[in-house]
Amino acid sequence: MAIYKPIDMVKEYRGKISQHSDTYFQRRGRTLCTCRITSPRDLTEKPYSANEVAIREKFKRVRAAVKALTPEEKAEYARQFEVARQYETCKYSYLSGYIFAMEFKKDNG
């Protein structure tokens, strides 16, 4: 008798699969989530507001600041992150999220 053994062709998807697809894949913890853009925003009819543009610009600045951190600064954030997790005062699961949040708080631009 033959033995059936399923083969996972693709272990995991992340992000957008193709240019023409409107389905996105993301792993949250142990759960694989999918989402679909059902009604994309038409910028000709409803452009971004000034507040939305300011939020997008702040996000870009913070992302650039995180990328520009020196190894010493990253090590200091890692130390702070471990101390916060030790005393259970940290709501972040990952160091990268903690670093981004701390840089986001520092950005006043």
N, C-alpha and C. Protein backbone atom coordinates (compact mmCIF):
# COMPACT_ATOMS: atom_id res chain seq x y z
N MET A 1 0.84 -1.16 0.00
CA MET A 1 0.00 0.00 0.00
C MET A 1 0.90 1.24 0.00
N ALA A 2 0.51 2.24 -0.74
CA ALA A 2 1.29 3.47 -0.85
C ALA A 2 1.13 4.33 0.40
N ILE A 3 2.18 5.06 0.71
CA ILE A 3 2.15 5.98 1.85
C ILE A 3 1.98 7.40 1.31
N TYR A 4 0.98 8.07 1.79
CA TYR A 4 0.72 9.46 1.37
C TYR A 4 1.43 10.39 2.33
N LYS A 5 2.29 11.24 1.81
CA LYS A 5 2.99 12.22 2.63
C LYS A 5 2.86 13.58 1.95
N PRO A 6 2.07 14.50 2.52
CA PRO A 6 1.92 15.82 1.88
C PRO A 6 3.23 16.60 1.93
N ILE A 7 3.49 17.33 0.88
CA ILE A 7 4.70 18.14 0.78
C ILE A 7 4.30 19.60 0.77
N ASP A 8 4.91 20.37 1.64
CA ASP A 8 4.67 21.81 1.63
C ASP A 8 5.52 22.43 0.53
N MET A 9 4.89 22.87 -0.53
CA MET A 9 5.63 23.47 -1.63
C MET A 9 6.21 24.82 -1.20
N VAL A 10 5.42 25.57 -0.50
CA VAL A 10 5.87 26.87 0.00
C VAL A 10 5.61 26.88 1.49
N LYS A 11 6.65 27.11 2.27
CA LYS A 11 6.50 27.09 3.73
C LYS A 11 5.74 28.30 4.24
N GLU A 12 6.01 29.48 3.67
CA GLU A 12 5.40 30.68 4.21
C GLU A 12 5.37 31.78 3.16
N TYR A 13 4.28 32.51 3.12
CA TYR A 13 4.18 33.72 2.31
C TYR A 13 4.26 34.92 3.23
N ARG A 14 4.83 35.99 2.71
CA ARG A 14 4.89 37.22 3.49
C ARG A 14 4.80 38.39 2.51
N GLY A 15 3.94 39.34 2.79
CA GLY A 15 3.80 40.50 1.93
C GLY A 15 2.85 40.25 0.78
N LYS A 16 3.10 40.91 -0.31
CA LYS A 16 2.25 40.80 -1.49
C LYS A 16 2.84 39.77 -2.44
N ILE A 17 2.01 38.93 -3.00
CA ILE A 17 2.50 37.83 -3.83
C ILE A 17 2.87 38.30 -5.23
N SER A 18 2.02 39.07 -5.87
CA SER A 18 2.32 39.53 -7.22
C SER A 18 1.84 40.96 -7.40
N GLN A 19 2.26 41.55 -8.49
CA GLN A 19 1.90 42.93 -8.77
C GLN A 19 0.39 43.10 -8.92
N HIS A 20 -0.27 42.08 -9.45
CA HIS A 20 -1.69 42.20 -9.76
C HIS A 20 -2.59 41.69 -8.64
N SER A 21 -1.98 41.14 -7.60
CA SER A 21 -2.76 40.59 -6.49
C SER A 21 -3.11 41.68 -5.50
N ASP A 22 -4.26 41.54 -4.87
CA ASP A 22 -4.63 42.47 -3.81
C ASP A 22 -4.72 41.75 -2.47
N THR A 23 -4.08 40.57 -2.38
CA THR A 23 -4.05 39.79 -1.16
C THR A 23 -2.67 39.89 -0.53
N TYR A 24 -2.64 40.12 0.77
CA TYR A 24 -1.40 40.24 1.52
C TYR A 24 -1.35 39.15 2.58
N PHE A 25 -0.16 38.66 2.87
CA PHE A 25 0.05 37.63 3.87
C PHE A 25 0.97 38.17 4.95
N GLN A 26 0.67 37.83 6.19
CA GLN A 26 1.49 38.29 7.31
C GLN A 26 1.40 37.28 8.44
N ARG A 27 2.53 37.03 9.09
CA ARG A 27 2.53 36.13 10.24
C ARG A 27 2.48 36.98 11.51
N ARG A 28 1.50 36.69 12.35
CA ARG A 28 1.37 37.36 13.65
C ARG A 28 1.45 36.29 14.72
N GLY A 29 2.61 36.21 15.35
CA GLY A 29 2.83 35.13 16.31
C GLY A 29 2.90 33.82 15.57
N ARG A 30 2.02 32.92 15.91
CA ARG A 30 1.98 31.62 15.24
C ARG A 30 0.87 31.53 14.21
N THR A 31 0.19 32.62 13.97
CA THR A 31 -0.95 32.63 13.07
C THR A 31 -0.59 33.30 11.76
N LEU A 32 -0.93 32.66 10.65
CA LEU A 32 -0.74 33.26 9.33
C LEU A 32 -2.02 34.00 8.96
N CYS A 33 -1.92 35.30 8.79
CA CYS A 33 -3.09 36.13 8.50
C CYS A 33 -3.06 36.53 7.03
N THR A 34 -4.23 36.61 6.44
CA THR A 34 -4.35 37.14 5.09
C THR A 34 -5.30 38.33 5.13
N CYS A 35 -5.03 39.27 4.27
CA CYS A 35 -5.95 40.39 4.16
C CYS A 35 -6.06 40.76 2.69
N ARG A 36 -7.16 41.37 2.36
CA ARG A 36 -7.41 41.75 0.97
C ARG A 36 -7.93 43.17 0.95
N ILE A 37 -7.39 43.94 0.04
CA ILE A 37 -7.86 45.31 -0.14
C ILE A 37 -9.12 45.24 -1.00
N THR A 38 -10.25 45.50 -0.38
CA THR A 38 -11.51 45.37 -1.11
C THR A 38 -11.91 46.66 -1.81
N SER A 39 -11.56 47.79 -1.23
CA SER A 39 -11.89 49.05 -1.89
C SER A 39 -10.69 50.00 -1.74
N PRO A 40 -9.73 49.90 -2.65
CA PRO A 40 -8.56 50.77 -2.54
C PRO A 40 -8.94 52.24 -2.67
N ARG A 41 -8.16 53.07 -2.05
CA ARG A 41 -8.44 54.51 -2.03
C ARG A 41 -8.12 55.13 -3.39
N ASP A 42 -9.05 55.88 -3.92
CA ASP A 42 -8.84 56.61 -5.16
C ASP A 42 -8.35 58.01 -4.79
N LEU A 43 -7.06 58.25 -5.01
CA LEU A 43 -6.47 59.52 -4.59
C LEU A 43 -6.93 60.71 -5.42
N THR A 44 -7.51 60.46 -6.58
CA THR A 44 -8.02 61.59 -7.37
C THR A 44 -9.31 62.13 -6.76
N GLU A 45 -10.09 61.24 -6.14
CA GLU A 45 -11.33 61.68 -5.51
C GLU A 45 -11.13 62.11 -4.06
N LYS A 46 -10.26 61.40 -3.34
CA LYS A 46 -10.04 61.69 -1.93
C LYS A 46 -8.54 61.68 -1.64
N PRO A 47 -7.86 62.79 -1.86
CA PRO A 47 -6.42 62.83 -1.60
C PRO A 47 -6.13 62.79 -0.10
N TYR A 48 -4.86 62.56 0.22
CA TYR A 48 -4.47 62.51 1.63
C TYR A 48 -4.65 63.87 2.28
N SER A 49 -5.10 63.86 3.52
CA SER A 49 -5.25 65.11 4.27
C SER A 49 -3.87 65.55 4.75
N ALA A 50 -3.78 66.77 5.26
CA ALA A 50 -2.51 67.28 5.77
C ALA A 50 -2.04 66.45 6.97
N ASN A 51 -2.97 66.02 7.80
CA ASN A 51 -2.62 65.18 8.94
C ASN A 51 -2.05 63.84 8.50
N GLU A 52 -2.67 63.23 7.50
CA GLU A 52 -2.19 61.94 6.99
C GLU A 52 -0.80 62.07 6.38
N VAL A 53 -0.57 63.14 5.65
CA VAL A 53 0.74 63.38 5.07
C VAL A 53 1.78 63.58 6.16
N ALA A 54 1.43 64.30 7.22
CA ALA A 54 2.36 64.53 8.34
C ALA A 54 2.70 63.21 9.03
N ILE A 55 1.72 62.34 9.21
CA ILE A 55 1.97 61.04 9.84
C ILE A 55 2.88 60.19 8.97
N ARG A 56 2.64 60.20 7.66
CA ARG A 56 3.49 59.43 6.74
C ARG A 56 4.92 59.94 6.76
N GLU A 57 5.09 61.25 6.80
CA GLU A 57 6.43 61.84 6.83
C GLU A 57 7.15 61.51 8.14
N LYS A 58 6.42 61.54 9.24
CA LYS A 58 7.02 61.20 10.53
C LYS A 58 7.47 59.74 10.53
N PHE A 59 6.64 58.87 9.99
CA PHE A 59 7.00 57.45 9.91
C PHE A 59 8.29 57.28 9.10
N LYS A 60 8.40 57.99 7.98
CA LYS A 60 9.60 57.90 7.15
C LYS A 60 10.84 58.40 7.90
N ARG A 61 10.69 59.51 8.63
CA ARG A 61 11.81 60.05 9.40
C ARG A 61 12.27 59.08 10.48
N VAL A 62 11.30 58.51 11.18
CA VAL A 62 11.63 57.57 12.25
C VAL A 62 12.30 56.33 11.68
N ARG A 63 11.80 55.83 10.58
CA ARG A 63 12.40 54.65 9.95
C ARG A 63 13.84 54.94 9.55
N ALA A 64 14.09 56.12 9.01
CA ALA A 64 15.45 56.50 8.64
C ALA A 64 16.34 56.62 9.88
N ALA A 65 15.79 57.15 10.97
CA ALA A 65 16.55 57.29 12.21
C ALA A 65 16.90 55.91 12.78
N VAL A 66 15.98 54.96 12.70
CA VAL A 66 16.25 53.60 13.19
C VAL A 66 17.36 52.95 12.37
N LYS A 67 17.32 53.15 11.06
CA LYS A 67 18.35 52.58 10.19
C LYS A 67 19.72 53.20 10.46
N ALA A 68 19.74 54.45 10.90
CA ALA A 68 21.00 55.17 11.11
C ALA A 68 21.58 54.96 12.52
N LEU A 69 20.94 54.16 13.35
CA LEU A 69 21.46 53.94 14.70
C LEU A 69 22.82 53.25 14.66
N THR A 70 23.69 53.66 15.57
CA THR A 70 25.00 53.02 15.69
C THR A 70 24.86 51.73 16.50
N PRO A 71 25.83 50.84 16.40
CA PRO A 71 25.76 49.61 17.20
C PRO A 71 25.70 49.88 18.69
N GLU A 72 26.35 50.95 19.15
CA GLU A 72 26.31 51.29 20.57
C GLU A 72 24.90 51.69 21.00
N GLU A 73 24.22 52.48 20.14
CA GLU A 73 22.84 52.89 20.45
C GLU A 73 21.91 51.69 20.45
N LYS A 74 22.10 50.78 19.50
CA LYS A 74 21.28 49.57 19.45
C LYS A 74 21.50 48.72 20.70
N ALA A 75 22.76 48.63 21.13
CA ALA A 75 23.07 47.86 22.34
C ALA A 75 22.40 48.49 23.57
N GLU A 76 22.39 49.81 23.64
CA GLU A 76 21.74 50.49 24.76
C GLU A 76 20.22 50.23 24.74
N TYR A 77 19.63 50.29 23.55
CA TYR A 77 18.19 49.97 23.45
C TYR A 77 17.94 48.52 23.86
N ALA A 78 18.83 47.62 23.46
CA ALA A 78 18.67 46.21 23.83
C ALA A 78 18.73 46.03 25.34
N ARG A 79 19.64 46.77 26.00
CA ARG A 79 19.74 46.70 27.45
C ARG A 79 18.45 47.22 28.10
N GLN A 80 17.96 48.37 27.62
CA GLN A 80 16.72 48.94 28.16
C GLN A 80 15.54 47.99 27.94
N PHE A 81 15.51 47.37 26.78
CA PHE A 81 14.43 46.43 26.43
C PHE A 81 14.44 45.24 27.39
N GLU A 82 15.61 44.69 27.66
CA GLU A 82 15.70 43.54 28.57
C GLU A 82 15.30 43.92 29.99
N VAL A 83 15.70 45.11 30.44
CA VAL A 83 15.32 45.57 31.77
C VAL A 83 13.80 45.73 31.85
N ALA A 84 13.22 46.34 30.83
CA ALA A 84 11.76 46.54 30.82
C ALA A 84 11.02 45.20 30.79
N ARG A 85 11.54 44.25 30.05
CA ARG A 85 10.89 42.93 30.00
C ARG A 85 11.06 42.18 31.30
N GLN A 86 12.19 42.39 31.96
CA GLN A 86 12.43 41.71 33.23
C GLN A 86 11.41 42.15 34.29
N TYR A 87 11.10 43.43 34.28
CA TYR A 87 10.14 43.95 35.25
C TYR A 87 8.72 44.01 34.69
N GLU A 88 8.51 43.41 33.52
CA GLU A 88 7.20 43.30 32.87
C GLU A 88 6.54 44.66 32.67
N THR A 89 7.34 45.66 32.35
CA THR A 89 6.78 46.98 32.05
C THR A 89 6.82 47.26 30.56
N CYS A 90 7.17 46.26 29.78
CA CYS A 90 7.33 46.44 28.34
C CYS A 90 6.17 45.76 27.62
N LYS A 91 5.50 46.49 26.74
CA LYS A 91 4.39 45.90 26.00
C LYS A 91 4.82 45.36 24.65
N TYR A 92 6.12 45.48 24.33
CA TYR A 92 6.63 45.04 23.04
C TYR A 92 7.22 43.65 23.14
N SER A 93 6.96 42.82 22.14
CA SER A 93 7.47 41.45 22.12
C SER A 93 8.85 41.38 21.49
N TYR A 94 9.14 42.31 20.59
CA TYR A 94 10.39 42.25 19.84
C TYR A 94 11.18 43.53 20.02
N LEU A 95 12.48 43.39 19.98
CA LEU A 95 13.38 44.53 20.14
C LEU A 95 13.16 45.56 19.05
N SER A 96 12.92 45.12 17.83
CA SER A 96 12.75 46.06 16.71
C SER A 96 11.54 46.97 16.94
N GLY A 97 10.45 46.43 17.46
CA GLY A 97 9.28 47.24 17.76
C GLY A 97 9.54 48.22 18.88
N TYR A 98 10.31 47.77 19.88
CA TYR A 98 10.66 48.65 20.99
C TYR A 98 11.52 49.81 20.51
N ILE A 99 12.52 49.51 19.69
CA ILE A 99 13.40 50.56 19.18
C ILE A 99 12.60 51.57 18.36
N PHE A 100 11.72 51.08 17.49
CA PHE A 100 10.92 51.98 16.66
C PHE A 100 10.05 52.87 17.54
N ALA A 101 9.44 52.29 18.56
CA ALA A 101 8.56 53.08 19.45
C ALA A 101 9.34 54.15 20.19
N MET A 102 10.54 53.82 20.66
CA MET A 102 11.35 54.80 21.38
C MET A 102 11.80 55.93 20.45
N GLU A 103 12.17 55.59 19.23
CA GLU A 103 12.56 56.63 18.26
C GLU A 103 11.34 57.46 17.84
N PHE A 104 10.18 56.83 17.79
CA PHE A 104 8.94 57.54 17.44
C PHE A 104 8.62 58.58 18.51
N LYS A 105 8.84 58.22 19.79
CA LYS A 105 8.61 59.17 20.89
C LYS A 105 9.59 60.34 20.82
N LYS A 106 10.83 60.06 20.40
CA LYS A 106 11.84 61.13 20.36
C LYS A 106 11.63 62.10 19.21
N ASP A 107 10.97 61.64 18.12
CA ASP A 107 10.80 62.50 16.94
C ASP A 107 9.77 63.59 17.22
N ASN A 108 10.19 64.83 17.11
CA ASN A 108 9.29 65.97 17.32
C ASN A 108 9.05 66.76 16.05
N GLY A 109 9.67 66.32 14.95
CA GLY A 109 9.60 67.07 13.69
C GLY A 109 8.30 67.02 13.07
